[in-house]
């Protein structure tokens, strides 16, 4: 289960790079039809990096992984809502990640007691 979650974080994070690539016209992504402002393109990149960093921290069992995961989900869902037609399926991944993040937060909180 741990490996599956790490893979989900990395895949979901990597998909966020498409928003950055589209916004900065690095390559043409015909599957993304809505224009993406450069400011949002940077947010897509930040979400990508936060998801990947959360995956690394989770895989080495660092207790603060949930912080980066939570930030990534918040940024990600904001961007998904903004580009709903192109990115709405990302909400499913965000819900799964959010549930695991909440569990991670609870475990961290209990460990602090």
PDB file of N, CA and C in Angstrom:
ATOM      1  N   UNK A   1       0.815  -1.196   0.000  1.00  0.00           N
ATOM      2  CA  UNK A   1       0.000   0.000   0.000  1.00  0.00           C
ATOM      3  C   UNK A   1       0.863   1.266   0.000  1.00  0.00           C
ATOM      4  N   UNK A   2       1.981   1.177   0.726  1.00  0.00           N
ATOM      5  CA  UNK A   2       2.895   2.318   0.800  1.00  0.00           C
ATOM      6  C   UNK A   2       3.448   2.644  -0.589  1.00  0.00           C
ATOM      7  N   UNK A   3       3.839   1.622  -1.320  1.00  0.00           N
ATOM      8  CA  UNK A   3       4.387   1.830  -2.668  1.00  0.00           C
ATOM      9  C   UNK A   3       3.335   2.434  -3.584  1.00  0.00           C
ATOM     10  N   UNK A   4       2.102   1.950  -3.483  1.00  0.00           N
ATOM     11  CA  UNK A   4       1.016   2.466  -4.324  1.00  0.00           C
ATOM     12  C   UNK A   4       0.778   3.951  -4.046  1.00  0.00           C
ATOM     13  N   UNK A   5       0.853   4.342  -2.780  1.00  0.00           N
ATOM     14  CA  UNK A   5       0.643   5.749  -2.436  1.00  0.00           C
ATOM     15  C   UNK A   5       1.787   6.613  -2.954  1.00  0.00           C
ATOM     16  N   UNK A   6       3.009   6.132  -2.835  1.00  0.00           N
ATOM     17  CA  UNK A   6       4.164   6.874  -3.356  1.00  0.00           C
ATOM     18  C   UNK A   6       4.034   7.035  -4.873  1.00  0.00           C
ATOM     19  N   UNK A   7       3.646   5.978  -5.553  1.00  0.00           N
ATOM     20  CA  UNK A   7       3.459   6.040  -7.011  1.00  0.00           C
ATOM     21  C   UNK A   7       2.361   7.041  -7.358  1.00  0.00           C
ATOM     22  N   UNK A   8       1.252   7.023  -6.610  1.00  0.00           N
ATOM     23  CA  UNK A   8       0.166   7.979  -6.848  1.00  0.00           C
ATOM     24  C   UNK A   8       0.661   9.411  -6.686  1.00  0.00           C
ATOM     25  N   UNK A   9       1.392   9.682  -5.618  1.00  0.00           N
ATOM     26  CA  UNK A   9       1.924  11.033  -5.405  1.00  0.00           C
ATOM     27  C   UNK A   9       2.836  11.462  -6.546  1.00  0.00           C
ATOM     28  N   UNK A  10       3.713  10.567  -6.975  1.00  0.00           N
ATOM     29  CA  UNK A  10       4.658  10.915  -8.044  1.00  0.00           C
ATOM     30  C   UNK A  10       3.936  11.094  -9.386  1.00  0.00           C
ATOM     31  N   UNK A  11       3.027  10.182  -9.706  1.00  0.00           N
ATOM     32  CA  UNK A  11       2.291  10.311 -10.979  1.00  0.00           C
ATOM     33  C   UNK A  11       1.432  11.564 -10.999  1.00  0.00           C
ATOM     34  N   UNK A  12       0.695  11.776  -9.920  1.00  0.00           N
ATOM     35  CA  UNK A  12      -0.166  12.956  -9.861  1.00  0.00           C
ATOM     36  C   UNK A  12       0.691  14.229  -9.926  1.00  0.00           C
ATOM     37  N   UNK A  13       1.792  14.215  -9.205  1.00  0.00           N
ATOM     38  CA  UNK A  13       2.685  15.367  -9.248  1.00  0.00           C
ATOM     39  C   UNK A  13       3.256  15.604 -10.636  1.00  0.00           C
ATOM     40  N   UNK A  14       3.676  14.536 -11.270  1.00  0.00           N
ATOM     41  CA  UNK A  14       4.257  14.656 -12.604  1.00  0.00           C
ATOM     42  C   UNK A  14       3.244  15.202 -13.608  1.00  0.00           C
ATOM     43  N   UNK A  15       1.990  14.791 -13.478  1.00  0.00           N
ATOM     44  CA  UNK A  15       0.949  15.313 -14.374  1.00  0.00           C
ATOM     45  C   UNK A  15       0.784  16.827 -14.223  1.00  0.00           C
ATOM     46  N   UNK A  16       1.078  17.338 -13.043  1.00  0.00           N
ATOM     47  CA  UNK A  16       0.981  18.783 -12.837  1.00  0.00           C
ATOM     48  C   UNK A  16       2.011  19.549 -13.668  1.00  0.00           C
ATOM     49  N   UNK A  17       3.077  18.897 -14.043  1.00  0.00           N
ATOM     50  CA  UNK A  17       4.079  19.576 -14.874  1.00  0.00           C
ATOM     51  C   UNK A  17       3.513  19.971 -16.229  1.00  0.00           C
ATOM     52  N   UNK A  18       2.444  19.288 -16.655  1.00  0.00           N
ATOM     53  CA  UNK A  18       1.829  19.632 -17.940  1.00  0.00           C
ATOM     54  C   UNK A  18       1.291  21.061 -17.934  1.00  0.00           C
ATOM     55  N   UNK A  19       0.746  21.506 -16.794  1.00  0.00           N
ATOM     56  CA  UNK A  19       0.256  22.883 -16.699  1.00  0.00           C
ATOM     57  C   UNK A  19       1.387  23.887 -16.851  1.00  0.00           C
ATOM     58  N   UNK A  20       2.529  23.577 -16.260  1.00  0.00           N
ATOM     59  CA  UNK A  20       3.707  24.436 -16.397  1.00  0.00           C
ATOM     60  C   UNK A  20       4.178  24.461 -17.849  1.00  0.00           C
ATOM     61  N   UNK A  21       4.269  23.281 -18.449  1.00  0.00           N
ATOM     62  CA  UNK A  21       4.736  23.158 -19.839  1.00  0.00           C
ATOM     63  C   UNK A  21       3.819  23.926 -20.791  1.00  0.00           C
ATOM     64  N   UNK A  22       2.509  23.803 -20.582  1.00  0.00           N
ATOM     65  CA  UNK A  22       1.540  24.498 -21.440  1.00  0.00           C
ATOM     66  C   UNK A  22       1.653  26.014 -21.247  1.00  0.00           C
ATOM     67  N   UNK A  23       1.717  26.465 -19.997  1.00  0.00           N
ATOM     68  CA  UNK A  23       1.744  27.903 -19.720  1.00  0.00           C
ATOM     69  C   UNK A  23       2.962  28.581 -20.326  1.00  0.00           C
ATOM     70  N   UNK A  24       4.092  27.898 -20.295  1.00  0.00           N
ATOM     71  CA  UNK A  24       5.326  28.493 -20.796  1.00  0.00           C
ATOM     72  C   UNK A  24       5.662  28.043 -22.222  1.00  0.00           C
ATOM     73  N   UNK A  25       4.708  27.350 -22.852  1.00  0.00           N
ATOM     74  CA  UNK A  25       4.815  26.926 -24.257  1.00  0.00           C
ATOM     75  C   UNK A  25       6.126  26.200 -24.544  1.00  0.00           C
ATOM     76  N   UNK A  26       6.509  25.321 -23.608  1.00  0.00           N
ATOM     77  CA  UNK A  26       7.736  24.540 -23.792  1.00  0.00           C
ATOM     78  C   UNK A  26       7.533  23.537 -24.919  1.00  0.00           C
ATOM     79  N   UNK A  27       6.392  22.863 -24.903  1.00  0.00           N
ATOM     80  CA  UNK A  27       5.956  22.037 -26.037  1.00  0.00           C
ATOM     81  C   UNK A  27       4.454  22.228 -26.184  1.00  0.00           C
ATOM     82  N   UNK A  28       3.925  21.921 -27.349  1.00  0.00           N
ATOM     83  CA  UNK A  28       2.497  22.061 -27.591  1.00  0.00           C
ATOM     84  C   UNK A  28       1.774  20.844 -27.010  1.00  0.00           C
ATOM     85  N   UNK A  29       0.832  21.102 -26.112  1.00  0.00           N
ATOM     86  CA  UNK A  29       0.025  20.034 -25.528  1.00  0.00           C
ATOM     87  C   UNK A  29      -1.412  20.218 -26.008  1.00  0.00           C
ATOM     88  N   UNK A  30      -1.738  19.584 -27.115  1.00  0.00           N
ATOM     89  CA  UNK A  30      -3.053  19.742 -27.729  1.00  0.00           C
ATOM     90  C   UNK A  30      -4.176  19.237 -26.832  1.00  0.00           C
ATOM     91  N   UNK A  31      -3.877  18.276 -25.941  1.00  0.00           N
ATOM     92  CA  UNK A  31      -4.912  17.737 -25.069  1.00  0.00           C
ATOM     93  C   UNK A  31      -5.377  18.737 -24.015  1.00  0.00           C
ATOM     94  N   UNK A  32      -4.595  19.763 -23.749  1.00  0.00           N
ATOM     95  CA  UNK A  32      -5.008  20.833 -22.845  1.00  0.00           C
ATOM     96  C   UNK A  32      -5.503  21.994 -23.698  1.00  0.00           C
ATOM     97  N   UNK A  33      -6.809  22.201 -23.705  1.00  0.00           N
ATOM     98  CA  UNK A  33      -7.386  23.185 -24.625  1.00  0.00           C
ATOM     99  C   UNK A  33      -7.506  24.583 -24.018  1.00  0.00           C
ATOM    100  N   UNK A  34      -7.614  24.672 -22.705  1.00  0.00           N
ATOM    101  CA  UNK A  34      -7.752  25.981 -22.073  1.00  0.00           C
ATOM    102  C   UNK A  34      -6.387  26.651 -21.951  1.00  0.00           C
ATOM    103  N   UNK A  35      -6.329  27.963 -22.190  1.00  0.00           N
ATOM    104  CA  UNK A  35      -5.063  28.669 -21.992  1.00  0.00           C
ATOM    105  C   UNK A  35      -4.726  28.720 -20.495  1.00  0.00           C
ATOM    106  N   UNK A  36      -3.449  28.668 -20.192  1.00  0.00           N
ATOM    107  CA  UNK A  36      -2.991  28.711 -18.799  1.00  0.00           C
ATOM    108  C   UNK A  36      -2.070  29.910 -18.644  1.00  0.00           C
ATOM    109  N   UNK A  37      -2.453  30.854 -17.772  1.00  0.00           N
ATOM    110  CA  UNK A  37      -1.566  32.006 -17.538  1.00  0.00           C
ATOM    111  C   UNK A  37      -0.250  31.549 -16.905  1.00  0.00           C
ATOM    112  N   UNK A  38       0.794  32.304 -17.141  1.00  0.00           N
ATOM    113  CA  UNK A  38       2.107  31.927 -16.599  1.00  0.00           C
ATOM    114  C   UNK A  38       2.095  31.855 -15.077  1.00  0.00           C
ATOM    115  N   UNK A  39       1.324  32.712 -14.421  1.00  0.00           N
ATOM    116  CA  UNK A  39       1.254  32.660 -12.957  1.00  0.00           C
ATOM    117  C   UNK A  39       0.695  31.310 -12.497  1.00  0.00           C
ATOM    118  N   UNK A  40      -0.326  30.821 -13.175  1.00  0.00           N
ATOM    119  CA  UNK A  40      -0.860  29.501 -12.844  1.00  0.00           C
ATOM    120  C   UNK A  40       0.105  28.400 -13.269  1.00  0.00           C
ATOM    121  N   UNK A  41       0.834  28.636 -14.343  1.00  0.00           N
ATOM    122  CA  UNK A  41       1.845  27.670 -14.764  1.00  0.00           C
ATOM    123  C   UNK A  41       2.879  27.449 -13.673  1.00  0.00           C
ATOM    124  N   UNK A  42       3.261  28.528 -13.014  1.00  0.00           N
ATOM    125  CA  UNK A  42       4.204  28.397 -11.895  1.00  0.00           C
ATOM    126  C   UNK A  42       3.580  27.628 -10.735  1.00  0.00           C
ATOM    127  N   UNK A  43       2.296  27.856 -10.486  1.00  0.00           N
ATOM    128  CA  UNK A  43       1.609  27.105  -9.430  1.00  0.00           C
ATOM    129  C   UNK A  43       1.513  25.616  -9.773  1.00  0.00           C
ATOM    130  N   UNK A  44       1.300  25.311 -11.056  1.00  0.00           N
ATOM    131  CA  UNK A  44       1.293  23.894 -11.471  1.00  0.00           C
ATOM    132  C   UNK A  44       2.646  23.259 -11.156  1.00  0.00           C
ATOM    133  N   UNK A  45       3.724  24.008 -11.400  1.00  0.00           N
ATOM    134  CA  UNK A  45       5.066  23.493 -11.107  1.00  0.00           C
ATOM    135  C   UNK A  45       5.279  23.329  -9.599  1.00  0.00           C
ATOM    136  N   UNK A  46       4.827  24.293  -8.814  1.00  0.00           N
ATOM    137  CA  UNK A  46       4.961  24.198  -7.354  1.00  0.00           C
ATOM    138  C   UNK A  46       4.209  22.977  -6.837  1.00  0.00           C
ATOM    139  N   UNK A  47       2.990  22.771  -7.312  1.00  0.00           N
ATOM    140  CA  UNK A  47       2.215  21.596  -6.891  1.00  0.00           C
ATOM    141  C   UNK A  47       2.951  20.315  -7.275  1.00  0.00           C
ATOM    142  N   UNK A  48       3.498  20.276  -8.472  1.00  0.00           N
ATOM    143  CA  UNK A  48       4.273  19.119  -8.934  1.00  0.00           C
ATOM    144  C   UNK A  48       5.409  18.825  -7.959  1.00  0.00           C
ATOM    145  N   UNK A  49       6.183  19.837  -7.638  1.00  0.00           N
ATOM    146  CA  UNK A  49       7.332  19.659  -6.753  1.00  0.00           C
ATOM    147  C   UNK A  49       6.905  19.268  -5.341  1.00  0.00           C
ATOM    148  N   UNK A  50       5.827  19.861  -4.841  1.00  0.00           N
ATOM    149  CA  UNK A  50       5.332  19.516  -3.504  1.00  0.00           C
ATOM    150  C   UNK A  50       4.859  18.064  -3.447  1.00  0.00           C
ATOM    151  N   UNK A  51       4.146  17.592  -4.478  1.00  0.00           N
ATOM    152  CA  UNK A  51       3.705  16.192  -4.495  1.00  0.00           C
ATOM    153  C   UNK A  51       4.910  15.249  -4.508  1.00  0.00           C
ATOM    154  N   UNK A  52       5.890  15.560  -5.330  1.00  0.00           N
ATOM    155  CA  UNK A  52       7.071  14.700  -5.420  1.00  0.00           C
ATOM    156  C   UNK A  52       7.874  14.745  -4.113  1.00  0.00           C
ATOM    157  N   UNK A  53       8.006  15.924  -3.518  1.00  0.00           N
ATOM    158  CA  UNK A  53       8.707  16.028  -2.246  1.00  0.00           C
ATOM    159  C   UNK A  53       7.959  15.275  -1.151  1.00  0.00           C
ATOM    160  N   UNK A  54       6.636  15.365  -1.153  1.00  0.00           N
ATOM    161  CA  UNK A  54       5.829  14.613  -0.182  1.00  0.00           C
ATOM    162  C   UNK A  54       6.045  13.112  -0.371  1.00  0.00           C
ATOM    163  N   UNK A  55       6.139  12.666  -1.621  1.00  0.00           N
ATOM    164  CA  UNK A  55       6.386  11.240  -1.899  1.00  0.00           C
ATOM    165  C   UNK A  55       7.738  10.800  -1.348  1.00  0.00           C
ATOM    166  N   UNK A  56       8.742  11.636  -1.528  1.00  0.00           N
ATOM    167  CA  UNK A  56      10.076  11.306  -1.014  1.00  0.00           C
ATOM    168  C   UNK A  56      10.053  11.225   0.507  1.00  0.00           C
ATOM    169  N   UNK A  57       9.455  12.234   1.135  1.00  0.00           N
ATOM    170  CA  UNK A  57       9.394  12.247   2.597  1.00  0.00           C
ATOM    171  C   UNK A  57       8.583  11.069   3.135  1.00  0.00           C
ATOM    172  N   UNK A  58       7.477  10.759   2.475  1.00  0.00           N
ATOM    173  CA  UNK A  58       6.648   9.626   2.895  1.00  0.00           C
ATOM    174  C   UNK A  58       7.425   8.325   2.770  1.00  0.00           C
ATOM    175  N   UNK A  59       8.154   8.168   1.677  1.00  0.00           N
ATOM    176  CA  UNK A  59       8.878   6.917   1.441  1.00  0.00           C
ATOM    177  C   UNK A  59      10.021   6.700   2.436  1.00  0.00           C
ATOM    178  N   UNK A  60      10.571   7.792   2.971  1.00  0.00           N
ATOM    179  CA  UNK A  60      11.625   7.639   3.989  1.00  0.00           C
ATOM    180  C   UNK A  60      11.053   7.756   5.408  1.00  0.00           C
ATOM    181  N   UNK A  61       9.724   7.773   5.483  1.00  0.00           N
ATOM    182  CA  UNK A  61       8.988   7.795   6.749  1.00  0.00           C
ATOM    183  C   UNK A  61       9.288   9.026   7.597  1.00  0.00           C
ATOM    184  N   UNK A  62       9.457  10.152   6.918  1.00  0.00           N
ATOM    185  CA  UNK A  62       9.627  11.424   7.615  1.00  0.00           C
ATOM    186  C   UNK A  62       8.237  11.932   8.003  1.00  0.00           C
ATOM    187  N   UNK A  63       8.056  12.255   9.272  1.00  0.00           N
ATOM    188  CA  UNK A  63       6.720  12.569   9.769  1.00  0.00           C
ATOM    189  C   UNK A  63       6.110  13.853   9.208  1.00  0.00           C
ATOM    190  N   UNK A  64       6.879  14.723   8.620  1.00  0.00           N
ATOM    191  CA  UNK A  64       6.322  15.974   8.103  1.00  0.00           C
ATOM    192  C   UNK A  64       5.880  15.885   6.636  1.00  0.00           C
ATOM    193  N   UNK A  65       5.844  14.684   6.083  1.00  0.00           N
ATOM    194  CA  UNK A  65       5.426  14.527   4.681  1.00  0.00           C
ATOM    195  C   UNK A  65       4.057  15.125   4.433  1.00  0.00           C
ATOM    196  N   UNK A  66       3.172  15.030   5.411  1.00  0.00           N
ATOM    197  CA  UNK A  66       1.781  15.454   5.241  1.00  0.00           C
ATOM    198  C   UNK A  66       1.668  16.958   5.005  1.00  0.00           C
ATOM    199  N   UNK A  67       2.628  17.742   5.490  1.00  0.00           N
ATOM    200  CA  UNK A  67       2.576  19.193   5.291  1.00  0.00           C
ATOM    201  C   UNK A  67       2.681  19.522   3.803  1.00  0.00           C
ATOM    202  N   UNK A  68       3.652  18.916   3.132  1.00  0.00           N
ATOM    203  CA  UNK A  68       3.828  19.167   1.692  1.00  0.00           C
ATOM    204  C   UNK A  68       2.683  18.574   0.887  1.00  0.00           C
ATOM    205  N   UNK A  69       2.183  17.450   1.344  1.00  0.00           N
ATOM    206  CA  UNK A  69       1.041  16.837   0.682  1.00  0.00           C
ATOM    207  C   UNK A  69      -0.194  17.735   0.785  1.00  0.00           C
ATOM    208  N   UNK A  70      -0.444  18.269   1.966  1.00  0.00           N
ATOM    209  CA  UNK A  70      -1.602  19.153   2.159  1.00  0.00           C
ATOM    210  C   UNK A  70      -1.483  20.408   1.301  1.00  0.00           C
ATOM    211  N   UNK A  71      -0.307  21.014   1.300  1.00  0.00           N
ATOM    212  CA  UNK A  71      -0.096  22.205   0.464  1.00  0.00           C
ATOM    213  C   UNK A  71      -0.285  21.886  -1.011  1.00  0.00           C
ATOM    214  N   UNK A  72       0.232  20.743  -1.433  1.00  0.00           N
ATOM    215  CA  UNK A  72       0.100  20.340  -2.833  1.00  0.00           C
ATOM    216  C   UNK A  72      -1.364  20.137  -3.209  1.00  0.00           C
ATOM    217  N   UNK A  73      -2.129  19.495  -2.335  1.00  0.00           N
ATOM    218  CA  UNK A  73      -3.550  19.252  -2.622  1.00  0.00           C
ATOM    219  C   UNK A  73      -4.308  20.575  -2.718  1.00  0.00           C
ATOM    220  N   UNK A  74      -4.023  21.503  -1.808  1.00  0.00           N
ATOM    221  CA  UNK A  74      -4.707  22.805  -1.838  1.00  0.00           C
ATOM    222  C   UNK A  74      -4.409  23.539  -3.143  1.00  0.00           C
ATOM    223  N   UNK A  75      -3.141  23.611  -3.498  1.00  0.00           N
ATOM    224  CA  UNK A  75      -2.755  24.285  -4.747  1.00  0.00           C
ATOM    225  C   UNK A  75      -3.353  23.550  -5.938  1.00  0.00           C
ATOM    226  N   UNK A  76      -3.233  22.235  -5.929  1.00  0.00           N
ATOM    227  CA  UNK A  76      -3.726  21.415  -7.025  1.00  0.00           C
ATOM    228  C   UNK A  76      -5.226  21.612  -7.245  1.00  0.00           C
ATOM    229  N   UNK A  77      -5.996  21.558  -6.166  1.00  0.00           N
ATOM    230  CA  UNK A  77      -7.447  21.670  -6.339  1.00  0.00           C
ATOM    231  C   UNK A  77      -7.847  23.059  -6.804  1.00  0.00           C
ATOM    232  N   UNK A  78      -7.146  24.079  -6.341  1.00  0.00           N
ATOM    233  CA  UNK A  78      -7.391  25.426  -6.851  1.00  0.00           C
ATOM    234  C   UNK A  78      -7.190  25.457  -8.374  1.00  0.00           C
ATOM    235  N   UNK A  79      -6.081  24.879  -8.825  1.00  0.00           N
ATOM    236  CA  UNK A  79      -5.774  24.879 -10.253  1.00  0.00           C
ATOM    237  C   UNK A  79      -6.763  24.026 -11.039  1.00  0.00           C
ATOM    238  N   UNK A  80      -7.155  22.895 -10.468  1.00  0.00           N
ATOM    239  CA  UNK A  80      -8.115  22.021 -11.141  1.00  0.00           C
ATOM    240  C   UNK A  80      -9.443  22.756 -11.318  1.00  0.00           C
ATOM    241  N   UNK A  81      -9.887  23.450 -10.287  1.00  0.00           N
ATOM    242  CA  UNK A  81     -11.139  24.214 -10.403  1.00  0.00           C
ATOM    243  C   UNK A  81     -10.995  25.277 -11.478  1.00  0.00           C
ATOM    244  N   UNK A  82      -9.847  25.919 -11.524  1.00  0.00           N
ATOM    245  CA  UNK A  82      -9.612  26.971 -12.526  1.00  0.00           C
ATOM    246  C   UNK A  82      -9.617  26.403 -13.947  1.00  0.00           C
ATOM    247  N   UNK A  83      -9.083  25.212 -14.126  1.00  0.00           N
ATOM    248  CA  UNK A  83      -9.003  24.573 -15.451  1.00  0.00           C
ATOM    249  C   UNK A  83      -9.859  23.304 -15.475  1.00  0.00           C
ATOM    250  N   UNK A  84     -11.079  23.418 -14.969  1.00  0.00           N
ATOM    251  CA  UNK A  84     -11.953  22.268 -14.736  1.00  0.00           C
ATOM    252  C   UNK A  84     -12.099  21.355 -15.954  1.00  0.00           C
ATOM    253  N   UNK A  85     -12.337  21.903 -17.123  1.00  0.00           N
ATOM    254  CA  UNK A  85     -12.584  21.071 -18.312  1.00  0.00           C
ATOM    255  C   UNK A  85     -11.394  20.184 -18.673  1.00  0.00           C
ATOM    256  N   UNK A  86     -10.206  20.670 -18.424  1.00  0.00           N
ATOM    257  CA  UNK A  86      -9.009  19.902 -18.752  1.00  0.00           C
ATOM    258  C   UNK A  86      -8.538  19.005 -17.607  1.00  0.00           C
ATOM    259  N   UNK A  87      -8.863  19.354 -16.363  1.00  0.00           N
ATOM    260  CA  UNK A  87      -8.191  18.714 -15.235  1.00  0.00           C
ATOM    261  C   UNK A  87      -9.113  18.106 -14.182  1.00  0.00           C
ATOM    262  N   UNK A  88     -10.405  18.036 -14.443  1.00  0.00           N
ATOM    263  CA  UNK A  88     -11.355  17.620 -13.397  1.00  0.00           C
ATOM    264  C   UNK A  88     -11.078  16.243 -12.801  1.00  0.00           C
ATOM    265  N   UNK A  89     -10.509  15.326 -13.573  1.00  0.00           N
ATOM    266  CA  UNK A  89     -10.231  13.989 -13.047  1.00  0.00           C
ATOM    267  C   UNK A  89      -9.173  13.996 -11.950  1.00  0.00           C
ATOM    268  N   UNK A  90      -8.375  15.044 -11.903  1.00  0.00           N
ATOM    269  CA  UNK A  90      -7.379  15.166 -10.845  1.00  0.00           C
ATOM    270  C   UNK A  90      -7.995  15.286  -9.465  1.00  0.00           C
ATOM    271  N   UNK A  91      -9.275  15.670  -9.407  1.00  0.00           N
ATOM    272  CA  UNK A  91      -9.973  15.775  -8.129  1.00  0.00           C
ATOM    273  C   UNK A  91     -10.036  14.425  -7.428  1.00  0.00           C
ATOM    274  N   UNK A  92     -10.195  13.354  -8.192  1.00  0.00           N
ATOM    275  CA  UNK A  92     -10.250  12.003  -7.603  1.00  0.00           C
ATOM    276  C   UNK A  92      -8.935  11.696  -6.893  1.00  0.00           C
ATOM    277  N   UNK A  93      -7.829  11.951  -7.564  1.00  0.00           N
ATOM    278  CA  UNK A  93      -6.513  11.721  -6.949  1.00  0.00           C
ATOM    279  C   UNK A  93      -6.343  12.617  -5.728  1.00  0.00           C
ATOM    280  N   UNK A  94      -6.785  13.869  -5.826  1.00  0.00           N
ATOM    281  CA  UNK A  94      -6.648  14.784  -4.690  1.00  0.00           C
ATOM    282  C   UNK A  94      -7.442  14.302  -3.477  1.00  0.00           C
ATOM    283  N   UNK A  95      -8.621  13.731  -3.695  1.00  0.00           N
ATOM    284  CA  UNK A  95      -9.421  13.221  -2.579  1.00  0.00           C
ATOM    285  C   UNK A  95      -8.698  12.062  -1.901  1.00  0.00           C
ATOM    286  N   UNK A  96      -8.169  11.147  -2.691  1.00  0.00           N
ATOM    287  CA  UNK A  96      -7.438  10.004  -2.126  1.00  0.00           C
ATOM    288  C   UNK A  96      -6.221  10.491  -1.344  1.00  0.00           C
ATOM    289  N   UNK A  97      -5.478  11.414  -1.937  1.00  0.00           N
ATOM    290  CA  UNK A  97      -4.286  11.948  -1.284  1.00  0.00           C
ATOM    291  C   UNK A  97      -4.666  12.726  -0.027  1.00  0.00           C
ATOM    292  N   UNK A  98      -5.752  13.485  -0.096  1.00  0.00           N
ATOM    293  CA  UNK A  98      -6.197  14.245   1.073  1.00  0.00           C
ATOM    294  C   UNK A  98      -6.560  13.325   2.235  1.00  0.00           C
ATOM    295  N   UNK A  99      -7.246  12.226   1.954  1.00  0.00           N
ATOM    296  CA  UNK A  99      -7.595  11.282   3.018  1.00  0.00           C
ATOM    297  C   UNK A  99      -6.340  10.720   3.688  1.00  0.00           C
ATOM    298  N   UNK A 100      -5.362  10.324   2.893  1.00  0.00           N
ATOM    299  CA  UNK A 100      -4.099   9.820   3.458  1.00  0.00           C
ATOM    300  C   UNK A 100      -3.369  10.920   4.219  1.00  0.00           C
ATOM    301  N   UNK A 101      -3.452  12.146   3.730  1.00  0.00           N
ATOM    302  CA  UNK A 101      -2.805  13.280   4.384  1.00  0.00           C
ATOM    303  C   UNK A 101      -3.428  13.545   5.747  1.00  0.00           C
ATOM    304  N   UNK A 102      -4.739  13.454   5.823  1.00  0.00           N
ATOM    305  CA  UNK A 102      -5.428  13.638   7.109  1.00  0.00           C
ATOM    306  C   UNK A 102      -4.981  12.567   8.094  1.00  0.00           C
ATOM    307  N   UNK A 103      -4.889  11.325   7.620  1.00  0.00           N
ATOM    308  CA  UNK A 103      -4.403  10.237   8.481  1.00  0.00           C
ATOM    309  C   UNK A 103      -2.976  10.525   8.939  1.00  0.00           C
ATOM    310  N   UNK A 104      -2.132  10.982   8.024  1.00  0.00           N
ATOM    311  CA  UNK A 104      -0.759  11.331   8.370  1.00  0.00           C
ATOM    312  C   UNK A 104      -0.697  12.434   9.415  1.00  0.00           C
ATOM    313  N   UNK A 105      -1.570  13.418   9.285  1.00  0.00           N
ATOM    314  CA  UNK A 105      -1.631  14.501  10.264  1.00  0.00           C
ATOM    315  C   UNK A 105      -2.055  13.971  11.629  1.00  0.00           C
ATOM    316  N   UNK A 106      -3.065  13.108  11.654  1.00  0.00           N
ATOM    317  CA  UNK A 106      -3.538  12.542  12.923  1.00  0.00           C
ATOM    318  C   UNK A 106      -2.444  11.723  13.596  1.00  0.00           C
ATOM    319  N   UNK A 107      -1.753  10.898  12.809  1.00  0.00           N
ATOM    320  CA  UNK A 107      -0.647  10.102  13.361  1.00  0.00           C
ATOM    321  C   UNK A 107       0.431  11.025  13.914  1.00  0.00           C
ATOM    322  N   UNK A 108       0.769  12.072  13.197  1.00  0.00           N
ATOM    323  CA  UNK A 108       1.780  13.026  13.658  1.00  0.00           C
ATOM    324  C   UNK A 108       1.338  13.706  14.949  1.00  0.00           C
ATOM    325  N   UNK A 109       0.056  14.082  15.010  1.00  0.00           N
ATOM    326  CA  UNK A 109      -0.481  14.741  16.197  1.00  0.00           C
ATOM    327  C   UNK A 109      -0.431  13.808  17.409  1.00  0.00           C
ATOM    328  N   UNK A 110      -0.816  12.571  17.223  1.00  0.00           N
ATOM    329  CA  UNK A 110      -0.790  11.589  18.312  1.00  0.00           C
ATOM    330  C   UNK A 110       0.633  11.335  18.770  1.00  0.00           C
ATOM    331  N   UNK A 111       1.565  11.285  17.839  1.00  0.00           N
ATOM    332  CA  UNK A 111       2.971  11.051  18.176  1.00  0.00           C
ATOM    333  C   UNK A 111       3.539  12.192  19.014  1.00  0.00           C
ATOM    334  N   UNK A 112       2.994  13.389  18.854  1.00  0.00           N
ATOM    335  CA  UNK A 112       3.473  14.567  19.597  1.00  0.00           C
ATOM    336  C   UNK A 112       2.987  14.554  21.045  1.00  0.00           C
ATOM    337  N   UNK A 113       1.955  13.761  21.319  1.00  0.00           N
ATOM    338  CA  UNK A 113       1.360  13.748  22.678  1.00  0.00           C
ATOM    339  C   UNK A 113       2.207  12.936  23.622  1.00  0.00           C
TER     340      UNK A 113
END
